[in-house]
Amino acid sequence: MLEDGSKNWPTSREDTRNTHTRSETNDNAKAVADDLTKKLTPEEKP
């Protein structure tokens, strides 16, 4: 369980004053998946 009591994957925080920081559905999950598949060396991958 997360700090806020949620059991869901953490989401990004949107800054409503800036149109360049809009949240997208599953954006954090996509970033983690990208890191795991493209940015880790073979030794770092599980």
Protein backbone atom coordinates (compact mmCIF):
# COMPACT_ATOMS: atom_id res chain seq x y z
CA MET A 1 0.00 0.00 0.00
CA LEU A 2 1.25 3.47 -0.86
CA GLU A 3 1.62 6.47 1.45
CA ASP A 4 -1.72 7.87 0.32
CA GLY A 5 -3.49 4.57 1.04
CA SER A 6 -3.81 3.66 -2.63
CA LYS A 7 -2.99 0.20 -3.92
CA ASN A 8 -2.54 1.51 -7.47
CA TRP A 9 0.65 2.27 -9.36
CA PRO A 10 1.84 5.82 -8.61
CA THR A 11 0.75 8.42 -11.13
CA SER A 12 2.41 11.59 -12.24
CA ARG A 13 1.28 14.91 -10.88
CA GLU A 14 -0.18 17.38 -13.32
CA ASP A 15 0.66 21.06 -13.17
CA THR A 16 -2.54 22.72 -14.37
CA ARG A 17 -0.72 26.02 -14.89
CA ASN A 18 1.54 24.52 -17.55
CA THR A 19 0.11 22.77 -20.61
CA HIS A 20 3.42 20.95 -21.20
CA THR A 21 3.06 18.88 -18.01
CA ARG A 22 -0.25 17.16 -18.62
CA SER A 23 -0.57 13.66 -17.19
CA GLU A 24 -1.23 10.76 -19.50
CA THR A 25 -2.83 7.44 -18.58
CA ASN A 26 -0.18 4.94 -17.39
CA ASP A 27 2.70 7.35 -18.09
CA ASN A 28 4.73 6.18 -15.08
CA ALA A 29 4.17 2.51 -15.90
CA LYS A 30 5.26 3.14 -19.48
CA ALA A 31 8.40 4.92 -18.27
CA VAL A 32 9.32 2.05 -15.95
CA ALA A 33 8.71 -0.52 -18.69
CA ASP A 34 10.88 1.52 -21.06
CA ASP A 35 13.66 1.66 -18.47
CA LEU A 36 13.47 -2.10 -17.90
CA THR A 37 13.51 -3.01 -21.57
CA LYS A 38 15.77 -0.38 -23.16
CA LYS A 39 18.01 1.29 -20.61
CA LEU A 40 19.24 -1.52 -18.38
CA THR A 41 22.31 -3.54 -19.23
CA PRO A 42 21.92 -7.34 -19.46
CA GLU A 43 23.54 -7.63 -16.03
CA GLU A 44 20.96 -5.27 -14.50
CA LYS A 45 17.90 -6.97 -15.98
CA PRO A 46 16.09 -9.40 -13.67
